[in-house]
Amino acid sequence: MDTSTFALLFLFLTQLLPGNALILVNNAPRRVIKVLKASNGAPWGGWGPPQFCAEGTYAIGYAIKVEPGQGSGDDTALNSIQLDCKGLDAVRSGGKITSREGPFGHWHNEVTCPTRNGAPTFLTEFVLQVEPDQKSGDDTAANYVKFHCRDFAALTYQRELAIAPGHGLYGRLGSWSGSCPANSAICGLRTAVEGDQGSGDDTALNNVMFYCCEENSEAGK
């Protein structure tokens, strides 16, 4: 089965089975138990394919691709989000993943969740900063994203994780997405991005959703 067929299967299942469901993407089973969505996503562009950490790994940090202020030029702000995936021991790598990516700006250095009592914490919740429709003005859509880090198993600890300076240039933060359940963490993402508009008004990244996964004891059998 090719990648486009997997993406269509994923969309079908997430619409009909919002609870526990075993999702297959790129031949790697992930047990998605919750989809985290932004409260304020912008409307332009199209959704890229969902991308997932390798089985048994979860997002422990993130980086963002941002175009700085262009003065009197066309601003796009946030262009891409990258997740760094690690195992529950914080050693085994599950790769670095992105979904659809805008063409403007540059990558900012990655930040990583802190350890707690010698154990890693993982991304479990997010909030998106978005500039609303400027009508005849210059639209930038999504400007910034930040997360909460939490123990994988417990709900008693939470720490904000943000790339400096902690905000974007335009728009406001929406509401926090709600958190991955206990014994799960963010394991994948999907971004909506408007492509290069040529002489038109570019906005790049408009919206994002993240996927919470629990461990799948049957994987690899």
N, C-alpha and C. Protein backbone atom coordinates (compact mmCIF):
# COMPACT_ATOMS: atom_id res chain seq x y z
N MET A 1 0.85 -1.20 0.00
CA MET A 1 0.00 0.00 0.00
C MET A 1 0.88 1.24 0.00
N ASP A 2 0.61 2.22 -0.91
CA ASP A 2 1.47 3.38 -1.00
C ASP A 2 1.11 4.42 0.05
N THR A 3 1.96 5.49 0.14
CA THR A 3 1.79 6.50 1.20
C THR A 3 0.45 7.21 1.11
N SER A 4 0.00 7.54 -0.12
CA SER A 4 -1.28 8.26 -0.26
C SER A 4 -2.45 7.40 0.22
N THR A 5 -2.38 6.08 -0.03
CA THR A 5 -3.44 5.20 0.45
C THR A 5 -3.46 5.12 1.96
N PHE A 6 -2.26 5.07 2.59
CA PHE A 6 -2.19 5.08 4.05
C PHE A 6 -2.78 6.37 4.62
N ALA A 7 -2.48 7.50 3.97
CA ALA A 7 -3.01 8.78 4.46
C ALA A 7 -4.52 8.80 4.41
N LEU A 8 -5.11 8.29 3.31
CA LEU A 8 -6.57 8.24 3.20
C LEU A 8 -7.17 7.32 4.25
N LEU A 9 -6.52 6.17 4.48
CA LEU A 9 -6.99 5.25 5.52
C LEU A 9 -6.96 5.92 6.88
N PHE A 10 -5.88 6.67 7.15
CA PHE A 10 -5.76 7.36 8.42
C PHE A 10 -6.89 8.37 8.61
N LEU A 11 -7.18 9.17 7.57
CA LEU A 11 -8.24 10.16 7.68
C LEU A 11 -9.58 9.50 7.93
N PHE A 12 -9.85 8.39 7.25
CA PHE A 12 -11.11 7.67 7.43
C PHE A 12 -11.27 7.18 8.86
N LEU A 13 -10.23 6.59 9.39
CA LEU A 13 -10.30 6.03 10.74
C LEU A 13 -10.42 7.11 11.80
N THR A 14 -9.70 8.24 11.64
CA THR A 14 -9.78 9.29 12.66
C THR A 14 -11.14 9.96 12.66
N GLN A 15 -11.87 9.92 11.54
CA GLN A 15 -13.22 10.46 11.52
C GLN A 15 -14.22 9.51 12.17
N LEU A 16 -14.08 8.21 11.93
CA LEU A 16 -15.06 7.24 12.41
C LEU A 16 -14.72 6.65 13.77
N LEU A 17 -13.42 6.67 14.12
CA LEU A 17 -12.98 6.04 15.36
C LEU A 17 -12.16 7.03 16.18
N PRO A 18 -12.82 8.01 16.82
CA PRO A 18 -12.07 9.02 17.57
C PRO A 18 -11.44 8.48 18.84
N GLY A 19 -11.86 7.34 19.32
CA GLY A 19 -11.28 6.76 20.53
C GLY A 19 -10.08 5.90 20.20
N ASN A 20 -9.92 4.79 20.93
CA ASN A 20 -8.79 3.90 20.69
C ASN A 20 -8.88 3.27 19.31
N ALA A 21 -7.78 3.37 18.57
CA ALA A 21 -7.73 2.78 17.23
C ALA A 21 -6.29 2.51 16.88
N LEU A 22 -6.06 1.38 16.23
CA LEU A 22 -4.72 1.07 15.76
C LEU A 22 -4.58 1.60 14.35
N ILE A 23 -3.69 2.58 14.16
CA ILE A 23 -3.52 3.24 12.88
C ILE A 23 -2.23 2.76 12.25
N LEU A 24 -2.26 2.44 10.96
CA LEU A 24 -1.06 2.04 10.25
C LEU A 24 -0.64 3.17 9.31
N VAL A 25 0.59 3.66 9.49
CA VAL A 25 1.12 4.70 8.63
C VAL A 25 2.54 4.31 8.25
N ASN A 26 2.83 4.31 6.95
CA ASN A 26 4.15 3.92 6.47
C ASN A 26 4.59 2.56 7.03
N ASN A 27 3.63 1.63 7.14
CA ASN A 27 3.89 0.26 7.61
C ASN A 27 4.33 0.20 9.08
N ALA A 28 4.24 1.29 9.84
CA ALA A 28 4.63 1.29 11.25
C ALA A 28 3.38 1.48 12.10
N PRO A 29 2.96 0.48 12.87
CA PRO A 29 1.73 0.63 13.65
C PRO A 29 1.94 1.57 14.84
N ARG A 30 1.04 2.51 14.98
CA ARG A 30 0.98 3.37 16.16
C ARG A 30 -0.43 3.32 16.70
N ARG A 31 -0.56 3.24 18.01
CA ARG A 31 -1.87 3.18 18.62
C ARG A 31 -2.27 4.59 19.04
N VAL A 32 -2.99 5.27 18.13
CA VAL A 32 -3.43 6.65 18.37
C VAL A 32 -4.67 6.63 19.25
N ILE A 33 -4.61 7.35 20.37
CA ILE A 33 -5.76 7.35 21.29
C ILE A 33 -6.40 8.73 21.44
N LYS A 34 -5.75 9.78 20.88
CA LYS A 34 -6.35 11.10 20.96
C LYS A 34 -5.71 11.99 19.90
N VAL A 35 -6.52 12.89 19.32
CA VAL A 35 -6.03 13.88 18.36
C VAL A 35 -6.15 15.25 19.02
N LEU A 36 -5.03 15.97 19.09
CA LEU A 36 -5.00 17.32 19.67
C LEU A 36 -5.12 18.34 18.56
N LYS A 37 -6.11 19.23 18.66
CA LYS A 37 -6.35 20.22 17.60
C LYS A 37 -6.26 21.65 18.15
N ALA A 38 -5.85 22.56 17.27
CA ALA A 38 -5.78 23.98 17.64
C ALA A 38 -7.18 24.58 17.69
N SER A 39 -7.37 25.54 18.59
CA SER A 39 -8.67 26.20 18.70
C SER A 39 -8.81 27.35 17.71
N ASN A 40 -7.73 27.74 17.04
CA ASN A 40 -7.71 28.98 16.28
C ASN A 40 -6.99 28.87 14.94
N GLY A 41 -6.96 27.69 14.34
CA GLY A 41 -6.25 27.52 13.08
C GLY A 41 -6.78 28.43 11.99
N ALA A 42 -5.90 28.86 11.08
CA ALA A 42 -6.26 29.71 9.96
C ALA A 42 -6.77 28.86 8.79
N PRO A 43 -7.48 29.47 7.82
CA PRO A 43 -8.23 28.68 6.83
C PRO A 43 -7.52 28.37 5.53
N TRP A 44 -6.32 28.89 5.29
CA TRP A 44 -5.73 28.77 3.96
C TRP A 44 -4.81 27.55 3.84
N GLY A 45 -4.63 27.11 2.61
CA GLY A 45 -3.69 26.02 2.36
C GLY A 45 -4.34 24.66 2.48
N GLY A 46 -3.51 23.62 2.31
CA GLY A 46 -3.97 22.24 2.37
C GLY A 46 -3.19 21.43 3.38
N TRP A 47 -3.82 20.36 3.85
CA TRP A 47 -3.19 19.49 4.85
C TRP A 47 -2.16 18.58 4.20
N GLY A 48 -0.99 18.49 4.81
CA GLY A 48 0.01 17.53 4.39
C GLY A 48 -0.28 16.17 4.98
N PRO A 49 0.53 15.17 4.66
CA PRO A 49 0.31 13.82 5.19
C PRO A 49 0.67 13.73 6.66
N PRO A 50 -0.01 12.89 7.42
CA PRO A 50 0.38 12.67 8.82
C PRO A 50 1.73 11.96 8.87
N GLN A 51 2.57 12.38 9.82
CA GLN A 51 3.87 11.77 10.00
C GLN A 51 4.01 11.34 11.46
N PHE A 52 4.63 10.19 11.68
CA PHE A 52 4.70 9.60 13.01
C PHE A 52 6.13 9.24 13.41
N CYS A 53 6.39 9.36 14.70
CA CYS A 53 7.63 8.83 15.27
C CYS A 53 7.65 7.31 15.08
N ALA A 54 8.86 6.73 15.08
CA ALA A 54 8.97 5.28 15.02
C ALA A 54 8.26 4.65 16.22
N GLU A 55 7.77 3.45 16.03
CA GLU A 55 7.05 2.75 17.10
C GLU A 55 7.86 2.72 18.39
N GLY A 56 7.18 3.01 19.50
CA GLY A 56 7.84 3.01 20.80
C GLY A 56 8.57 4.28 21.15
N THR A 57 8.49 5.31 20.28
CA THR A 57 9.13 6.59 20.57
C THR A 57 8.10 7.71 20.53
N TYR A 58 8.44 8.83 21.19
CA TYR A 58 7.49 9.92 21.38
C TYR A 58 8.24 11.25 21.29
N ALA A 59 7.49 12.33 21.10
CA ALA A 59 8.12 13.65 20.93
C ALA A 59 8.67 14.15 22.26
N ILE A 60 9.98 14.39 22.27
CA ILE A 60 10.66 14.86 23.48
C ILE A 60 11.10 16.31 23.34
N GLY A 61 11.03 16.85 22.11
CA GLY A 61 11.43 18.23 21.85
C GLY A 61 10.92 18.66 20.49
N TYR A 62 11.14 19.95 20.17
CA TYR A 62 10.67 20.45 18.89
C TYR A 62 11.53 21.61 18.41
N ALA A 63 11.44 21.86 17.11
CA ALA A 63 12.06 23.01 16.47
C ALA A 63 11.03 23.66 15.55
N ILE A 64 11.22 24.94 15.23
CA ILE A 64 10.31 25.63 14.33
C ILE A 64 11.09 26.36 13.23
N LYS A 65 10.48 26.42 12.07
CA LYS A 65 11.02 27.18 10.94
C LYS A 65 10.20 28.45 10.80
N VAL A 66 10.86 29.61 10.94
CA VAL A 66 10.16 30.88 10.99
C VAL A 66 10.82 31.89 10.04
N GLU A 67 9.99 32.61 9.32
CA GLU A 67 10.49 33.74 8.54
C GLU A 67 10.43 34.99 9.42
N PRO A 68 11.54 35.72 9.59
CA PRO A 68 11.50 36.93 10.41
C PRO A 68 10.68 38.02 9.73
N GLY A 69 10.37 39.09 10.48
CA GLY A 69 9.60 40.20 9.94
C GLY A 69 10.25 40.77 8.68
N GLN A 70 9.45 40.99 7.66
CA GLN A 70 9.95 41.46 6.36
C GLN A 70 9.79 42.96 6.16
N GLY A 71 9.45 43.69 7.23
CA GLY A 71 9.26 45.12 7.08
C GLY A 71 8.05 45.40 6.21
N SER A 72 8.27 46.06 5.09
CA SER A 72 7.17 46.36 4.17
C SER A 72 6.89 45.21 3.21
N GLY A 73 7.65 44.11 3.34
CA GLY A 73 7.45 42.96 2.47
C GLY A 73 6.37 42.03 2.96
N ASP A 74 6.21 40.90 2.29
CA ASP A 74 5.18 39.92 2.60
C ASP A 74 5.67 38.99 3.70
N ASP A 75 5.01 39.01 4.86
CA ASP A 75 5.38 38.15 5.99
C ASP A 75 4.63 36.83 5.93
N THR A 76 5.32 35.75 6.37
CA THR A 76 4.66 34.44 6.50
C THR A 76 4.78 33.87 7.91
N ALA A 77 5.77 34.32 8.70
CA ALA A 77 5.98 33.85 10.08
C ALA A 77 6.25 32.34 10.12
N LEU A 78 5.43 31.57 10.84
CA LEU A 78 5.70 30.15 11.04
C LEU A 78 5.52 29.36 9.74
N ASN A 79 6.56 28.57 9.38
CA ASN A 79 6.53 27.78 8.15
C ASN A 79 6.52 26.27 8.38
N SER A 80 7.09 25.81 9.48
CA SER A 80 7.14 24.37 9.72
C SER A 80 7.40 24.08 11.19
N ILE A 81 7.02 22.87 11.61
CA ILE A 81 7.26 22.36 12.96
C ILE A 81 7.91 20.99 12.83
N GLN A 82 8.97 20.78 13.59
CA GLN A 82 9.66 19.49 13.58
C GLN A 82 9.65 18.90 14.98
N LEU A 83 9.32 17.62 15.10
CA LEU A 83 9.34 16.91 16.38
C LEU A 83 10.55 16.00 16.44
N ASP A 84 11.18 15.96 17.62
CA ASP A 84 12.29 15.05 17.89
C ASP A 84 11.77 13.88 18.70
N CYS A 85 11.91 12.66 18.18
CA CYS A 85 11.30 11.48 18.78
C CYS A 85 12.34 10.64 19.50
N LYS A 86 12.02 10.24 20.73
CA LYS A 86 12.91 9.39 21.51
C LYS A 86 12.09 8.33 22.25
N GLY A 87 12.77 7.24 22.63
CA GLY A 87 12.13 6.21 23.42
C GLY A 87 11.92 6.65 24.85
N LEU A 88 11.25 5.83 25.63
CA LEU A 88 10.96 6.18 27.02
C LEU A 88 12.23 6.27 27.87
N ASP A 89 13.35 5.76 27.35
CA ASP A 89 14.64 5.91 28.03
C ASP A 89 15.35 7.19 27.60
N ALA A 90 14.75 7.96 26.67
CA ALA A 90 15.31 9.21 26.13
C ALA A 90 16.60 8.99 25.36
N VAL A 91 16.93 7.75 25.05
CA VAL A 91 18.16 7.43 24.33
C VAL A 91 17.86 6.96 22.91
N ARG A 92 17.00 5.97 22.78
CA ARG A 92 16.70 5.43 21.45
C ARG A 92 16.00 6.47 20.60
N SER A 93 16.53 6.71 19.40
CA SER A 93 15.98 7.72 18.51
C SER A 93 14.86 7.15 17.65
N GLY A 94 13.79 7.93 17.52
CA GLY A 94 12.71 7.58 16.61
C GLY A 94 12.63 8.51 15.43
N GLY A 95 13.73 9.27 15.21
CA GLY A 95 13.77 10.18 14.08
C GLY A 95 13.25 11.57 14.40
N LYS A 96 13.41 12.46 13.44
CA LYS A 96 12.85 13.81 13.52
C LYS A 96 11.86 13.95 12.39
N ILE A 97 10.64 14.37 12.70
CA ILE A 97 9.55 14.32 11.73
C ILE A 97 8.92 15.70 11.53
N THR A 98 8.52 15.95 10.30
CA THR A 98 7.71 17.11 9.94
C THR A 98 6.61 16.63 9.02
N SER A 99 5.59 17.45 8.85
CA SER A 99 4.58 17.20 7.84
C SER A 99 4.84 18.20 6.71
N ARG A 100 3.82 18.79 6.15
CA ARG A 100 4.01 19.75 5.06
C ARG A 100 4.77 20.96 5.57
N GLU A 101 5.68 21.51 4.74
CA GLU A 101 6.59 22.58 5.16
C GLU A 101 6.49 23.77 4.21
N GLY A 102 6.40 24.99 4.78
CA GLY A 102 6.45 26.19 3.97
C GLY A 102 7.86 26.49 3.51
N PRO A 103 8.03 27.27 2.43
CA PRO A 103 9.35 27.47 1.82
C PRO A 103 10.17 28.63 2.38
N PHE A 104 9.63 29.38 3.33
CA PHE A 104 10.29 30.61 3.76
C PHE A 104 10.90 30.48 5.16
N GLY A 105 11.91 31.31 5.44
CA GLY A 105 12.47 31.40 6.78
C GLY A 105 13.59 30.41 7.04
N HIS A 106 13.94 30.27 8.31
CA HIS A 106 15.02 29.37 8.71
C HIS A 106 14.65 28.67 10.02
N TRP A 107 15.37 27.58 10.30
CA TRP A 107 15.08 26.78 11.49
C TRP A 107 15.71 27.40 12.73
N HIS A 108 14.94 27.44 13.81
CA HIS A 108 15.44 27.84 15.12
C HIS A 108 15.92 26.60 15.87
N ASN A 109 16.85 26.78 16.77
CA ASN A 109 17.40 25.65 17.51
C ASN A 109 16.32 24.91 18.28
N GLU A 110 16.47 23.61 18.33
CA GLU A 110 15.52 22.74 19.03
C GLU A 110 15.60 22.94 20.54
N VAL A 111 14.45 22.80 21.19
CA VAL A 111 14.40 22.76 22.66
C VAL A 111 13.83 21.41 23.07
N THR A 112 14.23 20.94 24.25
CA THR A 112 13.89 19.59 24.70
C THR A 112 13.25 19.64 26.08
N CYS A 113 12.29 18.77 26.31
CA CYS A 113 11.63 18.68 27.60
C CYS A 113 12.65 18.37 28.71
N PRO A 114 12.44 18.92 29.91
CA PRO A 114 13.36 18.63 31.02
C PRO A 114 13.16 17.22 31.56
N THR A 115 14.16 16.74 32.27
CA THR A 115 14.01 15.48 33.00
C THR A 115 13.39 15.78 34.37
N ARG A 116 12.80 14.76 34.95
CA ARG A 116 12.21 14.88 36.29
C ARG A 116 12.55 13.62 37.07
N ASN A 117 13.24 13.79 38.18
CA ASN A 117 13.69 12.65 38.98
C ASN A 117 14.49 11.66 38.13
N GLY A 118 15.28 12.22 37.21
CA GLY A 118 16.13 11.39 36.38
C GLY A 118 15.46 10.76 35.18
N ALA A 119 14.15 11.00 35.01
CA ALA A 119 13.41 10.40 33.91
C ALA A 119 12.99 11.48 32.91
N PRO A 120 12.89 11.14 31.63
CA PRO A 120 12.49 12.14 30.63
C PRO A 120 11.02 12.51 30.74
N THR A 121 10.69 13.69 30.26
CA THR A 121 9.29 14.06 30.07
C THR A 121 9.07 14.28 28.58
N PHE A 122 7.79 14.29 28.16
CA PHE A 122 7.45 14.29 26.75
C PHE A 122 6.38 15.34 26.44
N LEU A 123 6.30 15.74 25.17
CA LEU A 123 5.28 16.69 24.74
C LEU A 123 3.90 16.04 24.84
N THR A 124 2.97 16.75 25.47
CA THR A 124 1.63 16.17 25.67
C THR A 124 0.50 17.16 25.39
N GLU A 125 0.80 18.41 25.08
CA GLU A 125 -0.23 19.43 24.92
C GLU A 125 0.38 20.60 24.17
N PHE A 126 -0.43 21.36 23.40
CA PHE A 126 0.13 22.49 22.66
C PHE A 126 -0.85 23.65 22.58
N VAL A 127 -0.30 24.82 22.22
CA VAL A 127 -1.11 25.99 21.93
C VAL A 127 -0.49 26.71 20.74
N LEU A 128 -1.33 27.22 19.86
CA LEU A 128 -0.88 27.84 18.61
C LEU A 128 -1.18 29.34 18.63
N GLN A 129 -0.22 30.15 18.19
CA GLN A 129 -0.43 31.59 18.04
C GLN A 129 -0.74 31.88 16.58
N VAL A 130 -1.89 32.52 16.35
CA VAL A 130 -2.37 32.74 14.98
C VAL A 130 -2.84 34.19 14.83
N GLU A 131 -2.47 34.80 13.71
CA GLU A 131 -3.00 36.12 13.36
C GLU A 131 -4.30 35.93 12.58
N PRO A 132 -5.39 36.57 12.99
CA PRO A 132 -6.65 36.41 12.25
C PRO A 132 -6.59 37.06 10.87
N ASP A 133 -7.58 36.78 10.05
CA ASP A 133 -7.68 37.31 8.70
C ASP A 133 -7.56 38.83 8.70
N GLN A 134 -6.59 39.35 7.96
CA GLN A 134 -6.35 40.79 7.90
C GLN A 134 -7.11 41.47 6.76
N LYS A 135 -8.00 40.72 6.12
CA LYS A 135 -8.80 41.24 5.00
C LYS A 135 -7.88 41.73 3.90
N SER A 136 -7.76 43.03 3.70
CA SER A 136 -6.91 43.55 2.62
C SER A 136 -5.45 43.73 3.05
N GLY A 137 -5.14 43.39 4.31
CA GLY A 137 -3.77 43.52 4.81
C GLY A 137 -2.95 42.27 4.56
N ASP A 138 -1.74 42.26 5.11
CA ASP A 138 -0.80 41.15 4.94
C ASP A 138 -1.11 40.06 5.97
N ASP A 139 -1.54 38.89 5.51
CA ASP A 139 -1.84 37.78 6.39
C ASP A 139 -0.59 36.95 6.66
N THR A 140 -0.45 36.49 7.90
CA THR A 140 0.65 35.59 8.25
C THR A 140 0.16 34.25 8.79
N ALA A 141 -1.11 34.14 9.19
CA ALA A 141 -1.68 32.91 9.75
C ALA A 141 -0.92 32.48 11.00
N ALA A 142 -0.46 31.22 11.09
CA ALA A 142 0.22 30.75 12.30
C ALA A 142 1.57 31.43 12.46
N ASN A 143 1.87 31.85 13.70
CA ASN A 143 3.11 32.54 14.00
C ASN A 143 4.03 31.78 14.94
N TYR A 144 3.46 30.92 15.81
CA TYR A 144 4.26 30.34 16.88
C TYR A 144 3.51 29.17 17.49
N VAL A 145 4.26 28.24 18.07
CA VAL A 145 3.66 27.12 18.79
C VAL A 145 4.52 26.81 20.01
N LYS A 146 3.88 26.45 21.11
CA LYS A 146 4.60 25.99 22.29
C LYS A 146 3.84 24.83 22.90
N PHE A 147 4.50 24.13 23.85
CA PHE A 147 3.98 22.86 24.35
C PHE A 147 4.04 22.80 25.87
N HIS A 148 3.36 21.82 26.43
CA HIS A 148 3.57 21.38 27.79
C HIS A 148 4.29 20.03 27.75
N CYS A 149 5.24 19.85 28.64
CA CYS A 149 5.92 18.58 28.85
C CYS A 149 5.35 17.92 30.10
N ARG A 150 5.29 16.57 30.08
CA ARG A 150 4.72 15.84 31.21
C ARG A 150 5.36 14.46 31.29
N ASP A 151 5.35 13.89 32.48
CA ASP A 151 5.73 12.48 32.61
C ASP A 151 4.86 11.65 31.67
N PHE A 152 5.43 10.58 31.14
CA PHE A 152 4.66 9.73 30.24
C PHE A 152 3.48 9.08 30.96
N ALA A 153 3.72 8.56 32.15
CA ALA A 153 2.70 7.76 32.83
C ALA A 153 1.73 8.58 33.67
N ALA A 154 2.20 9.66 34.28
CA ALA A 154 1.41 10.37 35.29
C ALA A 154 0.91 11.71 34.78
N LEU A 155 -0.12 12.24 35.45
CA LEU A 155 -0.69 13.54 35.10
C LEU A 155 -0.39 14.61 36.14
N THR A 156 0.55 14.33 37.04
CA THR A 156 0.77 15.21 38.19
C THR A 156 1.80 16.29 37.94
N TYR A 157 2.53 16.23 36.82
CA TYR A 157 3.61 17.18 36.56
C TYR A 157 3.43 17.77 35.18
N GLN A 158 3.65 19.08 35.05
CA GLN A 158 3.53 19.73 33.76
C GLN A 158 4.47 20.92 33.72
N ARG A 159 5.21 21.07 32.62
CA ARG A 159 6.16 22.17 32.46
C ARG A 159 6.05 22.73 31.04
N GLU A 160 5.99 24.05 30.91
CA GLU A 160 5.89 24.67 29.59
C GLU A 160 7.23 24.60 28.87
N LEU A 161 7.17 24.33 27.57
CA LEU A 161 8.36 24.28 26.72
C LEU A 161 8.15 25.24 25.56
N ALA A 162 9.03 26.23 25.44
CA ALA A 162 8.88 27.27 24.42
C ALA A 162 10.23 27.66 23.86
N ILE A 163 10.28 27.87 22.56
CA ILE A 163 11.48 28.36 21.89
C ILE A 163 11.53 29.88 22.03
N ALA A 164 12.68 30.42 22.42
CA ALA A 164 12.84 31.86 22.59
C ALA A 164 12.47 32.59 21.29
N PRO A 165 11.78 33.74 21.42
CA PRO A 165 11.51 34.51 22.64
C PRO A 165 10.21 34.14 23.35
N GLY A 166 9.57 33.06 22.98
CA GLY A 166 8.35 32.62 23.65
C GLY A 166 7.07 33.08 23.00
N HIS A 167 7.17 33.72 21.85
CA HIS A 167 5.98 34.20 21.13
C HIS A 167 6.38 34.56 19.71
N GLY A 168 5.38 34.69 18.84
CA GLY A 168 5.59 35.16 17.48
C GLY A 168 5.33 36.66 17.37
N LEU A 169 5.46 37.19 16.15
CA LEU A 169 5.32 38.64 15.94
C LEU A 169 3.87 39.09 15.91
N TYR A 170 2.99 38.26 15.38
CA TYR A 170 1.63 38.72 15.11
C TYR A 170 0.60 37.73 15.65
N GLY A 171 -0.58 38.24 16.00
CA GLY A 171 -1.67 37.39 16.44
C GLY A 171 -1.63 37.08 17.92
N ARG A 172 -2.51 36.19 18.33
CA ARG A 172 -2.65 35.82 19.73
C ARG A 172 -2.66 34.31 19.89
N LEU A 173 -2.28 33.88 21.08
CA LEU A 173 -2.38 32.46 21.42
C LEU A 173 -3.83 32.06 21.55
N GLY A 174 -4.15 30.85 21.07
CA GLY A 174 -5.48 30.30 21.27
C GLY A 174 -5.57 29.61 22.62
N SER A 175 -6.47 28.68 22.74
CA SER A 175 -6.63 27.90 23.97
C SER A 175 -5.73 26.67 23.90
N TRP A 176 -5.26 26.21 25.05
CA TRP A 176 -4.50 24.96 25.09
C TRP A 176 -5.36 23.82 24.56
N SER A 177 -4.72 22.88 23.91
CA SER A 177 -5.43 21.83 23.17
C SER A 177 -6.09 20.79 24.05
N GLY A 178 -5.72 20.72 25.31
CA GLY A 178 -6.05 19.55 26.11
C GLY A 178 -4.89 18.59 26.01
N SER A 179 -4.77 17.65 26.92
CA SER A 179 -3.56 16.87 27.06
C SER A 179 -3.74 15.41 26.63
N CYS A 180 -2.63 14.79 26.24
CA CYS A 180 -2.64 13.35 26.02
C CYS A 180 -2.98 12.65 27.34
N PRO A 181 -3.71 11.55 27.29
CA PRO A 181 -4.03 10.81 28.52
C PRO A 181 -2.77 10.22 29.16
N ALA A 182 -2.91 9.79 30.40
CA ALA A 182 -1.81 9.10 31.08
C ALA A 182 -1.36 7.90 30.26
N ASN A 183 -0.05 7.61 30.33
CA ASN A 183 0.57 6.52 29.57
C ASN A 183 0.49 6.74 28.07
N SER A 184 0.59 8.00 27.67
CA SER A 184 0.67 8.35 26.25
C SER A 184 1.36 9.70 26.12
N ALA A 185 1.77 10.03 24.91
CA ALA A 185 2.40 11.32 24.61
C ALA A 185 2.26 11.58 23.12
N ILE A 186 2.60 12.80 22.70
CA ILE A 186 2.54 13.13 21.28
C ILE A 186 3.51 12.25 20.50
N CYS A 187 3.00 11.68 19.42
CA CYS A 187 3.80 10.74 18.62
C CYS A 187 3.79 11.10 17.14
N GLY A 188 3.06 12.14 16.73
CA GLY A 188 2.99 12.50 15.33
C GLY A 188 2.30 13.83 15.13
N LEU A 189 2.33 14.29 13.89
CA LEU A 189 1.72 15.59 13.57
C LEU A 189 1.25 15.63 12.14
N ARG A 190 0.42 16.63 11.87
CA ARG A 190 -0.05 16.91 10.51
C ARG A 190 -0.25 18.42 10.40
N THR A 191 0.30 19.04 9.36
CA THR A 191 0.23 20.49 9.22
C THR A 191 -0.51 20.89 7.96
N ALA A 192 -1.24 22.01 8.06
CA ALA A 192 -1.89 22.64 6.90
C ALA A 192 -1.06 23.83 6.48
N VAL A 193 -0.61 23.84 5.24
CA VAL A 193 0.31 24.87 4.74
C VAL A 193 -0.18 25.39 3.39
N GLU A 194 -0.14 26.70 3.24
CA GLU A 194 -0.42 27.32 1.94
C GLU A 194 0.88 27.41 1.16
N GLY A 195 0.87 26.93 -0.07
CA GLY A 195 2.06 26.97 -0.91
C GLY A 195 2.41 28.38 -1.35
N ASP A 196 3.56 28.51 -1.99
CA ASP A 196 4.05 29.80 -2.49
C ASP A 196 3.02 30.40 -3.45
N GLN A 197 2.57 31.63 -3.12
CA GLN A 197 1.55 32.31 -3.91
C GLN A 197 2.12 33.20 -5.01
N GLY A 198 3.44 33.14 -5.23
CA GLY A 198 4.04 33.98 -6.25
C GLY A 198 3.94 35.44 -5.86
N SER A 199 3.22 36.23 -6.63
CA SER A 199 3.05 37.65 -6.32
C SER A 199 1.91 37.90 -5.34
N GLY A 200 1.22 36.84 -4.91
CA GLY A 200 0.12 36.98 -3.96
C GLY A 200 0.59 37.00 -2.52
N ASP A 201 -0.36 37.02 -1.59
CA ASP A 201 -0.08 37.10 -0.17
C ASP A 201 0.19 35.70 0.39
N ASP A 202 1.42 35.44 0.81
CA ASP A 202 1.80 34.14 1.37
C ASP A 202 1.50 34.08 2.87
N THR A 203 1.05 32.92 3.33
CA THR A 203 0.82 32.71 4.76
C THR A 203 1.59 31.51 5.32
N ALA A 204 2.01 30.58 4.45
CA ALA A 204 2.74 29.36 4.87
C ALA A 204 1.90 28.53 5.85
N LEU A 205 2.42 28.21 7.04
CA LEU A 205 1.72 27.30 7.94
C LEU A 205 0.49 27.96 8.55
N ASN A 206 -0.64 27.27 8.44
CA ASN A 206 -1.92 27.80 8.92
C ASN A 206 -2.48 27.06 10.12
N ASN A 207 -2.25 25.76 10.19
CA ASN A 207 -2.89 24.96 11.23
C ASN A 207 -2.07 23.69 11.46
N VAL A 208 -2.29 23.05 12.60
CA VAL A 208 -1.58 21.83 12.93
C VAL A 208 -2.43 20.98 13.86
N MET A 209 -2.29 19.67 13.76
CA MET A 209 -2.84 18.75 14.75
C MET A 209 -1.75 17.78 15.16
N PHE A 210 -1.84 17.31 16.39
CA PHE A 210 -0.87 16.36 16.92
C PHE A 210 -1.60 15.12 17.39
N TYR A 211 -0.90 13.98 17.36
CA TYR A 211 -1.49 12.70 17.69
C TYR A 211 -0.87 12.13 18.95
N CYS A 212 -1.70 11.68 19.87
CA CYS A 212 -1.25 11.03 21.10
C CYS A 212 -1.25 9.53 20.90
N CYS A 213 -0.16 8.87 21.26
CA CYS A 213 -0.06 7.42 21.13
C CYS A 213 0.23 6.79 22.49
N GLU A 214 -0.27 5.59 22.67
CA GLU A 214 0.12 4.77 23.81
C GLU A 214 1.02 3.65 23.31
N GLU A 215 1.67 2.96 24.22
CA GLU A 215 2.53 1.86 23.82
C GLU A 215 1.70 0.73 23.21
N ASN A 216 2.26 0.09 22.20
CA ASN A 216 1.60 -1.02 21.53
C ASN A 216 2.43 -2.28 21.77
N SER A 217 2.01 -3.08 22.70
CA SER A 217 2.78 -4.27 23.08
C SER A 217 2.82 -5.31 21.97
N GLU A 218 1.94 -5.19 20.98
CA GLU A 218 1.89 -6.17 19.89
C GLU A 218 2.79 -5.78 18.72
N ALA A 219 3.34 -4.57 18.74
CA ALA A 219 4.16 -4.12 17.63
C ALA A 219 5.39 -4.99 17.49
N GLY A 220 5.72 -5.32 16.27
CA GLY A 220 6.93 -6.11 16.01
C GLY A 220 6.75 -7.59 16.15
N LYS A 221 5.56 -8.04 16.56
CA LYS A 221 5.35 -9.49 16.72
C LYS A 221 5.05 -10.14 15.38
